[in-house]
Amino acid sequence: MIVPGSSSQLLAAALAEETGRPLATPTYDRFPDGEGLAAAPDFAGDEAVVVAATDSDEAWVELLQLQDAVREAGAERVTTVTPYMGYARQDESFGDGQPVSARAMARAVSTGTDRVVLVNPHESGVADFYDVPAETVDAAGVLADPLPTDLADPLFLAPDEGAVGIAETVRDAYGAGETDYFEKHRDRDTGEVEVSPSDAAVAGRDVVVVDDIVATGSTMSESVAVLNDRGAARVLAACVHPMLAANAVTKLRGAGVDRIVGSDTLERGCSVVSVAPVLADALE
């Protein structure tokens, strides 16, 4: 059965439909003292696929409870699908006495599962932190589906040189266009950072700014403002994980983004395309 965490109900339903597996209906309760209780009272079978984005500390606890709940209900094999892995950016210790948080979370999840599937983790190396087999899948290609079919001489821009691969994946799936990345230059005197596309001309072109995750939207907003100053025709933002915390949407639209496109690894208003087909292939 497919067992959804509360943050991944739409994706879990899509995955159940894609794979033909039954969908469990967990309950998510909270006690007066603040403690949560995630349960799967209708779980049946010997295999469970727990689908849970860990976009909050509560979601992490919920995931651990669901893993334990399906074991208690008789599951002999548990696969944990984490469409968005929180703490993936904390993949090292950044100071004395600080934890490697991604490793700590991975080890905790490993105690209750036989296998882990991650979708475009911010740092791919976090898969090595799990004590069970863990694989990553690249779902960036699905972001091409909801893009307008009439993009004018499209340019797919990554936030930095290291992320060009994700822009290339979206470009290839779209079937046309060029790729480039943003460079950051810091003024030695003022300390101000200037963001600019490295090479490609943008005037009169439709530009798709592509990233794995948009959290606060600050960096992307700066980039979009530069593109508009340089005469881009339309600027669209596409990301696998639309975290869009606080006022990120307002920042992006205020900077001149024509449209924000995201997947359902995090279920937001702009989650217009599903990664379920990619995950279904991984579960075969």
C-alpha atoms as a PDB file:
ATOM      1  CA  MET A   1       0.000   0.000   0.000  1.00  0.00           C
ATOM      2  CA  ILE A   2       0.968   3.622  -0.512  1.00  0.00           C
ATOM      3  CA  VAL A   3       0.985   5.392   2.855  1.00  0.00           C
ATOM      4  CA  PRO A   4       1.047   9.210   2.699  1.00  0.00           C
ATOM      5  CA  GLY A   5       2.454  11.628   5.191  1.00  0.00           C
ATOM      6  CA  SER A   6       0.213  14.644   5.757  1.00  0.00           C
ATOM      7  CA  SER A   7       2.448  16.863   3.591  1.00  0.00           C
ATOM      8  CA  SER A   8       2.356  14.494   0.606  1.00  0.00           C
ATOM      9  CA  GLN A   9      -1.263  13.426   0.214  1.00  0.00           C
ATOM     10  CA  LEU A  10      -1.700  14.577  -3.385  1.00  0.00           C
ATOM     11  CA  LEU A  11       1.572  13.028  -4.518  1.00  0.00           C
ATOM     12  CA  ALA A  12       0.813   9.760  -2.735  1.00  0.00           C
ATOM     13  CA  ALA A  13      -2.591   9.580  -4.417  1.00  0.00           C
ATOM     14  CA  ALA A  14      -0.993  10.239  -7.808  1.00  0.00           C
ATOM     15  CA  LEU A  15       1.620   7.572  -7.142  1.00  0.00           C
ATOM     16  CA  ALA A  16      -1.057   5.061  -6.140  1.00  0.00           C
ATOM     17  CA  GLU A  17      -2.885   5.741  -9.383  1.00  0.00           C
ATOM     18  CA  GLU A  18       0.334   5.536 -11.401  1.00  0.00           C
ATOM     19  CA  THR A  19       1.378   2.205  -9.881  1.00  0.00           C
ATOM     20  CA  GLY A  20      -2.037   0.626  -9.357  1.00  0.00           C
ATOM     21  CA  ARG A  21      -1.325   0.144  -5.660  1.00  0.00           C
ATOM     22  CA  PRO A  22      -3.969   0.768  -2.998  1.00  0.00           C
ATOM     23  CA  LEU A  23      -3.819   4.019  -1.043  1.00  0.00           C
ATOM     24  CA  ALA A  24      -3.934   3.873   2.740  1.00  0.00           C
ATOM     25  CA  THR A  25      -5.759   6.553   4.733  1.00  0.00           C
ATOM     26  CA  PRO A  26      -3.585   7.484   7.715  1.00  0.00           C
ATOM     27  CA  THR A  27      -4.809   9.629  10.574  1.00  0.00           C
ATOM     28  CA  TYR A  28      -2.853  12.578  11.932  1.00  0.00           C
ATOM     29  CA  ASP A  29      -3.786  13.549  15.470  1.00  0.00           C
ATOM     30  CA  ARG A  30      -2.348  15.818  18.135  1.00  0.00           C
ATOM     31  CA  PHE A  31      -2.570  15.472  21.897  1.00  0.00           C
ATOM     32  CA  PRO A  32      -3.208  18.444  24.212  1.00  0.00           C
ATOM     33  CA  ASP A  33       0.473  18.469  25.206  1.00  0.00           C
ATOM     34  CA  GLY A  34       1.485  19.016  21.582  1.00  0.00           C
ATOM     35  CA  GLU A  35       2.668  15.510  20.791  1.00  0.00           C
ATOM     36  CA  GLY A  36       1.573  14.129  17.432  1.00  0.00           C
ATOM     37  CA  LEU A  37       0.283  10.702  16.494  1.00  0.00           C
ATOM     38  CA  ALA A  38       0.369   9.485  12.888  1.00  0.00           C
ATOM     39  CA  ALA A  39      -1.266   6.102  12.378  1.00  0.00           C
ATOM     40  CA  ALA A  40      -2.275   3.831   9.506  1.00  0.00           C
ATOM     41  CA  PRO A  41      -5.331   1.986  10.864  1.00  0.00           C
ATOM     42  CA  ASP A  42      -6.395   0.567   7.478  1.00  0.00           C
ATOM     43  CA  PHE A  43      -2.972  -0.682   6.399  1.00  0.00           C
ATOM     44  CA  ALA A  44      -2.979  -4.214   5.055  1.00  0.00           C
ATOM     45  CA  GLY A  45      -0.369  -6.243   3.234  1.00  0.00           C
ATOM     46  CA  ASP A  46       3.266  -7.155   3.553  1.00  0.00           C
ATOM     47  CA  GLU A  47       4.775  -4.157   1.727  1.00  0.00           C
ATOM     48  CA  ALA A  48       4.425  -0.462   2.489  1.00  0.00           C
ATOM     49  CA  VAL A  49       5.585   2.581   0.545  1.00  0.00           C
ATOM     50  CA  VAL A  50       5.604   5.552   2.898  1.00  0.00           C
ATOM     51  CA  VAL A  51       5.554   8.817   0.939  1.00  0.00           C
ATOM     52  CA  ALA A  52       6.414  11.796   3.107  1.00  0.00           C
ATOM     53  CA  ALA A  53       8.050  15.144   2.409  1.00  0.00           C
ATOM     54  CA  THR A  54      10.033  16.213   5.461  1.00  0.00           C
ATOM     55  CA  ASP A  55       9.536  19.964   5.206  1.00  0.00           C
ATOM     56  CA  SER A  56       9.250  20.508   8.968  1.00  0.00           C
ATOM     57  CA  ASP A  57      10.438  18.919  12.182  1.00  0.00           C
ATOM     58  CA  GLU A  58       6.890  17.661  12.744  1.00  0.00           C
ATOM     59  CA  ALA A  59       6.993  15.952   9.348  1.00  0.00           C
ATOM     60  CA  TRP A  60      10.160  14.083  10.330  1.00  0.00           C
ATOM     61  CA  VAL A  61       8.491  12.740  13.488  1.00  0.00           C
ATOM     62  CA  GLU A  62       5.386  11.830  11.506  1.00  0.00           C
ATOM     63  CA  LEU A  63       7.504   9.871   9.025  1.00  0.00           C
ATOM     64  CA  LEU A  64       9.151   7.862  11.794  1.00  0.00           C
ATOM     65  CA  GLN A  65       5.751   7.104  13.298  1.00  0.00           C
ATOM     66  CA  LEU A  66       4.290   5.954   9.989  1.00  0.00           C
ATOM     67  CA  GLN A  67       7.254   3.654   9.376  1.00  0.00           C
ATOM     68  CA  ASP A  68       6.712   2.111  12.792  1.00  0.00           C
ATOM     69  CA  ALA A  69       2.940   1.958  12.337  1.00  0.00           C
ATOM     70  CA  VAL A  70       3.095  -0.114   9.150  1.00  0.00           C
ATOM     71  CA  ARG A  71       5.646  -2.460  10.728  1.00  0.00           C
ATOM     72  CA  GLU A  72       3.291  -2.876  13.672  1.00  0.00           C
ATOM     73  CA  ALA A  73       0.481  -3.632  11.196  1.00  0.00           C
ATOM     74  CA  GLY A  74       2.485  -6.425   9.581  1.00  0.00           C
ATOM     75  CA  ALA A  75       4.551  -4.887   6.801  1.00  0.00           C
ATOM     76  CA  GLU A  76       7.559  -7.070   6.092  1.00  0.00           C
ATOM     77  CA  ARG A  77       9.145  -4.566   3.724  1.00  0.00           C
ATOM     78  CA  VAL A  78       9.060  -0.773   3.947  1.00  0.00           C
ATOM     79  CA  THR A  79      10.179   1.633   1.254  1.00  0.00           C
ATOM     80  CA  THR A  80      10.396   5.274   2.254  1.00  0.00           C
ATOM     81  CA  VAL A  81       9.928   7.834  -0.503  1.00  0.00           C
ATOM     82  CA  THR A  82      11.092  11.278   0.567  1.00  0.00           C
ATOM     83  CA  PRO A  83      10.083  13.638  -2.243  1.00  0.00           C
ATOM     84  CA  TYR A  84      11.623  16.571  -0.403  1.00  0.00           C
ATOM     85  CA  MET A  85      14.324  15.900   2.168  1.00  0.00           C
ATOM     86  CA  GLY A  86      14.625  18.601   4.759  1.00  0.00           C
ATOM     87  CA  TYR A  87      18.070  19.230   6.266  1.00  0.00           C
ATOM     88  CA  ALA A  88      19.708  18.117   3.011  1.00  0.00           C
ATOM     89  CA  ARG A  89      21.609  21.417   2.894  1.00  0.00           C
ATOM     90  CA  GLN A  90      23.136  20.647   6.287  1.00  0.00           C
ATOM     91  CA  ASP A  91      25.328  17.942   4.822  1.00  0.00           C
ATOM     92  CA  GLU A  92      28.423  18.838   6.818  1.00  0.00           C
ATOM     93  CA  SER A  93      29.409  20.343  10.131  1.00  0.00           C
ATOM     94  CA  PHE A  94      29.792  24.082   9.681  1.00  0.00           C
ATOM     95  CA  GLY A  95      31.465  24.824  13.004  1.00  0.00           C
ATOM     96  CA  ASP A  96      32.826  23.378  16.226  1.00  0.00           C
ATOM     97  CA  GLY A  97      30.249  21.281  18.006  1.00  0.00           C
ATOM     98  CA  GLN A  98      27.716  21.456  15.179  1.00  0.00           C
ATOM     99  CA  PRO A  99      26.041  18.296  13.870  1.00  0.00           C
ATOM    100  CA  VAL A 100      25.891  16.922  10.373  1.00  0.00           C
ATOM    101  CA  SER A 101      22.113  17.248  10.511  1.00  0.00           C
ATOM    102  CA  ALA A 102      21.401  15.444   7.237  1.00  0.00           C
ATOM    103  CA  ARG A 103      23.323  12.437   8.538  1.00  0.00           C
ATOM    104  CA  ALA A 104      21.469  12.457  11.856  1.00  0.00           C
ATOM    105  CA  MET A 105      18.076  12.505  10.133  1.00  0.00           C
ATOM    106  CA  ALA A 106      19.084   9.824   7.623  1.00  0.00           C
ATOM    107  CA  ARG A 107      20.239   7.503  10.372  1.00  0.00           C
ATOM    108  CA  ALA A 108      16.963   7.921  12.235  1.00  0.00           C
ATOM    109  CA  VAL A 109      14.902   7.109   9.136  1.00  0.00           C
ATOM    110  CA  SER A 110      17.111   4.090   8.380  1.00  0.00           C
ATOM    111  CA  THR A 111      15.999   2.362  11.567  1.00  0.00           C
ATOM    112  CA  GLY A 112      12.455   1.900  10.263  1.00  0.00           C
ATOM    113  CA  THR A 113      12.829   1.219   6.548  1.00  0.00           C
ATOM    114  CA  ASP A 114      14.454  -1.182   4.121  1.00  0.00           C
ATOM    115  CA  ARG A 115      14.982   1.268   1.279  1.00  0.00           C
ATOM    116  CA  VAL A 116      14.899   5.019   0.628  1.00  0.00           C
ATOM    117  CA  VAL A 117      14.097   6.932  -2.554  1.00  0.00           C
ATOM    118  CA  LEU A 118      14.962  10.641  -2.685  1.00  0.00           C
ATOM    119  CA  VAL A 119      13.909  13.168  -5.311  1.00  0.00           C
ATOM    120  CA  ASN A 120      16.587  15.692  -6.319  1.00  0.00           C
ATOM    121  CA  PRO A 121      18.105  16.201  -2.868  1.00  0.00           C
ATOM    122  CA  HIS A 122      19.922  19.524  -2.640  1.00  0.00           C
ATOM    123  CA  GLU A 123      23.172  17.635  -2.036  1.00  0.00           C
ATOM    124  CA  SER A 124      23.202  14.254  -3.745  1.00  0.00           C
ATOM    125  CA  GLY A 125      25.784  12.945  -1.296  1.00  0.00           C
ATOM    126  CA  VAL A 126      23.194  12.793   1.498  1.00  0.00           C
ATOM    127  CA  ALA A 127      22.085   9.435   0.094  1.00  0.00           C
ATOM    128  CA  ASP A 128      25.313   7.997   1.494  1.00  0.00           C
ATOM    129  CA  PHE A 129      24.221   8.895   5.038  1.00  0.00           C
ATOM    130  CA  TYR A 130      21.489   6.253   5.093  1.00  0.00           C
ATOM    131  CA  ASP A 131      22.245   2.861   6.602  1.00  0.00           C
ATOM    132  CA  VAL A 132      19.949   1.166   4.079  1.00  0.00           C
ATOM    133  CA  PRO A 133      20.043   1.257   0.261  1.00  0.00           C
ATOM    134  CA  ALA A 134      19.171   4.783  -0.856  1.00  0.00           C
ATOM    135  CA  GLU A 135      18.817   6.110  -4.370  1.00  0.00           C
ATOM    136  CA  THR A 136      18.129   9.501  -5.845  1.00  0.00           C
ATOM    137  CA  VAL A 137      15.898  10.153  -8.833  1.00  0.00           C
ATOM    138  CA  ASP A 138      16.034  13.185 -11.089  1.00  0.00           C
ATOM    139  CA  ALA A 139      12.556  14.588 -11.657  1.00  0.00           C
ATOM    140  CA  ALA A 140      13.646  17.914 -13.161  1.00  0.00           C
ATOM    141  CA  GLY A 141      12.462  16.876 -16.604  1.00  0.00           C
ATOM    142  CA  VAL A 142       8.800  17.047 -15.553  1.00  0.00           C
ATOM    143  CA  LEU A 143       9.141  20.831 -15.208  1.00  0.00           C
ATOM    144  CA  ALA A 144       9.098  21.147 -18.988  1.00  0.00           C
ATOM    145  CA  ASP A 145       5.521  19.854 -19.251  1.00  0.00           C
ATOM    146  CA  PRO A 146       3.692  22.923 -17.902  1.00  0.00           C
ATOM    147  CA  LEU A 147       5.889  25.478 -19.693  1.00  0.00           C
ATOM    148  CA  PRO A 148       4.271  27.407 -22.553  1.00  0.00           C
ATOM    149  CA  THR A 149       4.801  25.694 -25.888  1.00  0.00           C
ATOM    150  CA  ASP A 150       5.545  29.005 -27.584  1.00  0.00           C
ATOM    151  CA  LEU A 151       8.644  30.127 -25.684  1.00  0.00           C
ATOM    152  CA  ALA A 152      10.581  32.564 -27.856  1.00  0.00           C
ATOM    153  CA  ASP A 153      14.198  31.450 -28.404  1.00  0.00           C
ATOM    154  CA  PRO A 154      14.192  30.054 -24.867  1.00  0.00           C
ATOM    155  CA  LEU A 155      17.130  30.260 -22.496  1.00  0.00           C
ATOM    156  CA  PHE A 156      17.261  27.984 -19.454  1.00  0.00           C
ATOM    157  CA  LEU A 157      19.342  29.532 -16.686  1.00  0.00           C
ATOM    158  CA  ALA A 158      20.799  27.767 -13.634  1.00  0.00           C
ATOM    159  CA  PRO A 159      21.619  29.645 -10.406  1.00  0.00           C
ATOM    160  CA  ASP A 160      25.310  28.753 -10.691  1.00  0.00           C
ATOM    161  CA  GLU A 161      27.688  26.701 -12.804  1.00  0.00           C
ATOM    162  CA  GLY A 162      27.313  23.645 -10.604  1.00  0.00           C
ATOM    163  CA  ALA A 163      23.573  23.492 -11.271  1.00  0.00           C
ATOM    164  CA  VAL A 164      23.755  23.680 -15.069  1.00  0.00           C
ATOM    165  CA  GLY A 165      22.795  20.005 -15.204  1.00  0.00           C
ATOM    166  CA  ILE A 166      19.279  20.677 -13.947  1.00  0.00           C
ATOM    167  CA  ALA A 167      18.812  23.435 -16.536  1.00  0.00           C
ATOM    168  CA  GLU A 168      20.020  21.064 -19.252  1.00  0.00           C
ATOM    169  CA  THR A 169      17.558  18.402 -18.100  1.00  0.00           C
ATOM    170  CA  VAL A 170      14.624  20.811 -18.372  1.00  0.00           C
ATOM    171  CA  ARG A 171      15.878  22.141 -21.715  1.00  0.00           C
ATOM    172  CA  ASP A 172      16.237  18.634 -23.124  1.00  0.00           C
ATOM    173  CA  ALA A 173      12.758  17.693 -21.956  1.00  0.00           C
ATOM    174  CA  TYR A 174      11.347  20.870 -23.495  1.00  0.00           C
ATOM    175  CA  GLY A 175      13.124  20.114 -26.759  1.00  0.00           C
ATOM    176  CA  ALA A 176      14.526  23.530 -27.634  1.00  0.00           C
ATOM    177  CA  GLY A 177      16.679  26.347 -26.304  1.00  0.00           C
ATOM    178  CA  GLU A 178      20.058  27.049 -24.783  1.00  0.00           C
ATOM    179  CA  THR A 179      21.399  26.791 -21.262  1.00  0.00           C
ATOM    180  CA  ASP A 180      23.545  29.116 -19.214  1.00  0.00           C
ATOM    181  CA  TYR A 181      24.166  29.988 -15.581  1.00  0.00           C
ATOM    182  CA  PHE A 182      24.455  33.013 -13.346  1.00  0.00           C
ATOM    183  CA  GLU A 183      27.777  34.316 -12.122  1.00  0.00           C
ATOM    184  CA  LYS A 184      28.194  36.266  -8.914  1.00  0.00           C
ATOM    185  CA  HIS A 185      30.752  39.045  -8.640  1.00  0.00           C
ATOM    186  CA  ARG A 186      31.527  40.708  -5.314  1.00  0.00           C
ATOM    187  CA  ASP A 187      32.778  44.297  -5.331  1.00  0.00           C
ATOM    188  CA  ARG A 188      35.921  44.411  -3.197  1.00  0.00           C
ATOM    189  CA  ASP A 189      35.231  47.947  -2.065  1.00  0.00           C
ATOM    190  CA  THR A 190      31.504  47.866  -1.302  1.00  0.00           C
ATOM    191  CA  GLY A 191      31.016  44.148  -0.714  1.00  0.00           C
ATOM    192  CA  GLU A 192      27.923  44.210  -2.933  1.00  0.00           C
ATOM    193  CA  VAL A 193      27.233  41.118  -5.008  1.00  0.00           C
ATOM    194  CA  GLU A 194      26.296  41.512  -8.661  1.00  0.00           C
ATOM    195  CA  VAL A 195      24.452  38.675 -10.353  1.00  0.00           C
ATOM    196  CA  SER A 196      24.575  38.268 -14.131  1.00  0.00           C
ATOM    197  CA  PRO A 197      24.178  35.552 -16.789  1.00  0.00           C
ATOM    198  CA  SER A 198      27.632  34.309 -17.723  1.00  0.00           C
ATOM    199  CA  ASP A 199      27.529  34.534 -21.510  1.00  0.00           C
ATOM    200  CA  ALA A 200      24.168  34.328 -23.265  1.00  0.00           C
ATOM    201  CA  ALA A 201      22.291  37.374 -24.476  1.00  0.00           C
ATOM    202  CA  VAL A 202      18.759  37.615 -23.045  1.00  0.00           C
ATOM    203  CA  ALA A 203      17.209  40.600 -24.854  1.00  0.00           C
ATOM    204  CA  GLY A 204      13.928  39.657 -26.497  1.00  0.00           C
ATOM    205  CA  ARG A 205      14.118  36.053 -25.329  1.00  0.00           C
ATOM    206  CA  ASP A 206      11.948  34.030 -22.967  1.00  0.00           C
ATOM    207  CA  VAL A 207      14.057  32.963 -20.007  1.00  0.00           C
ATOM    208  CA  VAL A 208      13.320  30.091 -17.636  1.00  0.00           C
ATOM    209  CA  VAL A 209      15.248  30.336 -14.371  1.00  0.00           C
ATOM    210  CA  VAL A 210      15.639  26.765 -13.118  1.00  0.00           C
ATOM    211  CA  ASP A 211      16.628  25.557  -9.661  1.00  0.00           C
ATOM    212  CA  ASP A 212      16.175  22.471  -7.534  1.00  0.00           C
ATOM    213  CA  ILE A 213      14.611  24.400  -4.639  1.00  0.00           C
ATOM    214  CA  VAL A 214      13.294  27.908  -4.139  1.00  0.00           C
ATOM    215  CA  ALA A 215      13.145  28.668  -0.434  1.00  0.00           C
ATOM    216  CA  THR A 216      13.019  32.398   0.322  1.00  0.00           C
ATOM    217  CA  GLY A 217      13.224  33.493  -3.303  1.00  0.00           C
ATOM    218  CA  SER A 218      15.798  36.195  -2.550  1.00  0.00           C
ATOM    219  CA  THR A 219      18.576  34.962  -4.836  1.00  0.00           C
ATOM    220  CA  MET A 220      16.217  34.140  -7.667  1.00  0.00           C
ATOM    221  CA  SER A 221      14.505  37.538  -7.356  1.00  0.00           C
ATOM    222  CA  GLU A 222      17.847  39.297  -7.753  1.00  0.00           C
ATOM    223  CA  SER A 223      18.555  37.216 -10.837  1.00  0.00           C
ATOM    224  CA  VAL A 224      15.145  37.930 -12.346  1.00  0.00           C
ATOM    225  CA  ALA A 225      15.595  41.668 -11.840  1.00  0.00           C
ATOM    226  CA  VAL A 226      18.848  41.526 -13.819  1.00  0.00           C
ATOM    227  CA  LEU A 227      17.135  39.653 -16.647  1.00  0.00           C
ATOM    228  CA  ASN A 228      14.361  42.218 -16.861  1.00  0.00           C
ATOM    229  CA  ASP A 229      16.885  45.055 -16.855  1.00  0.00           C
ATOM    230  CA  ARG A 230      18.564  43.389 -19.823  1.00  0.00           C
ATOM    231  CA  GLY A 231      15.356  43.205 -21.835  1.00  0.00           C
ATOM    232  CA  ALA A 232      14.193  39.614 -21.430  1.00  0.00           C
ATOM    233  CA  ALA A 233      10.773  39.089 -23.031  1.00  0.00           C
ATOM    234  CA  ARG A 234       9.309  36.839 -20.338  1.00  0.00           C
ATOM    235  CA  VAL A 235      10.887  35.368 -17.234  1.00  0.00           C
ATOM    236  CA  LEU A 236       9.530  32.163 -15.741  1.00  0.00           C
ATOM    237  CA  ALA A 237      10.713  30.384 -12.613  1.00  0.00           C
ATOM    238  CA  ALA A 238      10.800  26.588 -12.443  1.00  0.00           C
ATOM    239  CA  CYS A 239      11.862  24.458  -9.503  1.00  0.00           C
ATOM    240  CA  VAL A 240      11.513  20.857  -8.412  1.00  0.00           C
ATOM    241  CA  HIS A 241      10.893  21.798  -4.772  1.00  0.00           C
ATOM    242  CA  PRO A 242       8.731  24.924  -4.363  1.00  0.00           C
ATOM    243  CA  MET A 243       9.357  25.598  -0.682  1.00  0.00           C
ATOM    244  CA  LEU A 244       8.437  29.280  -1.184  1.00  0.00           C
ATOM    245  CA  ALA A 245       8.732  30.231   2.464  1.00  0.00           C
ATOM    246  CA  ALA A 246       7.380  33.464   3.912  1.00  0.00           C
ATOM    247  CA  ASN A 247       6.952  36.090   1.152  1.00  0.00           C
ATOM    248  CA  ALA A 248       8.909  34.275  -1.564  1.00  0.00           C
ATOM    249  CA  VAL A 249       6.034  34.323  -4.067  1.00  0.00           C
ATOM    250  CA  THR A 250       5.565  38.052  -3.607  1.00  0.00           C
ATOM    251  CA  LYS A 251       9.292  38.628  -4.082  1.00  0.00           C
ATOM    252  CA  LEU A 252       9.359  36.672  -7.312  1.00  0.00           C
ATOM    253  CA  ARG A 253       6.259  38.256  -8.784  1.00  0.00           C
ATOM    254  CA  GLY A 254       7.453  41.683  -7.690  1.00  0.00           C
ATOM    255  CA  ALA A 255      10.769  41.066  -9.439  1.00  0.00           C
ATOM    256  CA  GLY A 256       8.893  40.380 -12.667  1.00  0.00           C
ATOM    257  CA  VAL A 257       8.408  36.610 -12.809  1.00  0.00           C
ATOM    258  CA  ASP A 258       5.616  35.853 -15.259  1.00  0.00           C
ATOM    259  CA  ARG A 259       4.874  32.401 -13.839  1.00  0.00           C
ATOM    260  CA  ILE A 260       6.163  30.052 -11.136  1.00  0.00           C
ATOM    261  CA  VAL A 261       6.181  26.335 -11.941  1.00  0.00           C
ATOM    262  CA  GLY A 262       6.892  23.645  -9.365  1.00  0.00           C
ATOM    263  CA  SER A 263       6.346  19.948  -8.806  1.00  0.00           C
ATOM    264  CA  ASP A 264       4.350  18.212  -6.089  1.00  0.00           C
ATOM    265  CA  THR A 265       7.364  17.167  -4.033  1.00  0.00           C
ATOM    266  CA  LEU A 266       6.108  20.063  -1.924  1.00  0.00           C
ATOM    267  CA  GLU A 267       2.418  20.736  -2.348  1.00  0.00           C
ATOM    268  CA  ARG A 268       1.980  24.440  -3.045  1.00  0.00           C
ATOM    269  CA  GLY A 269      -0.259  26.524  -5.247  1.00  0.00           C
ATOM    270  CA  CYS A 270       2.288  26.367  -8.078  1.00  0.00           C
ATOM    271  CA  SER A 271       2.707  22.575  -7.880  1.00  0.00           C
ATOM    272  CA  VAL A 272       1.261  22.019 -11.328  1.00  0.00           C
ATOM    273  CA  VAL A 273       3.136  18.878 -12.340  1.00  0.00           C
ATOM    274  CA  SER A 274       3.654  15.551 -10.565  1.00  0.00           C
ATOM    275  CA  VAL A 275       6.799  13.528 -10.016  1.00  0.00           C
ATOM    276  CA  ALA A 276       4.665  10.389  -9.593  1.00  0.00           C
ATOM    277  CA  PRO A 277       5.654   8.888 -12.995  1.00  0.00           C
ATOM    278  CA  VAL A 278       9.347   9.215 -12.133  1.00  0.00           C
ATOM    279  CA  LEU A 279       8.819   7.646  -8.725  1.00  0.00           C
ATOM    280  CA  ALA A 280       6.703   4.856 -10.212  1.00  0.00           C
ATOM    281  CA  ASP A 281       9.631   3.886 -12.434  1.00  0.00           C
ATOM    282  CA  ALA A 282      11.927   3.813  -9.407  1.00  0.00           C
ATOM    283  CA  LEU A 283       9.535   1.555  -7.489  1.00  0.00           C
ATOM    284  CA  GLU A 284       9.285  -1.085 -10.214  1.00  0.00           C
END
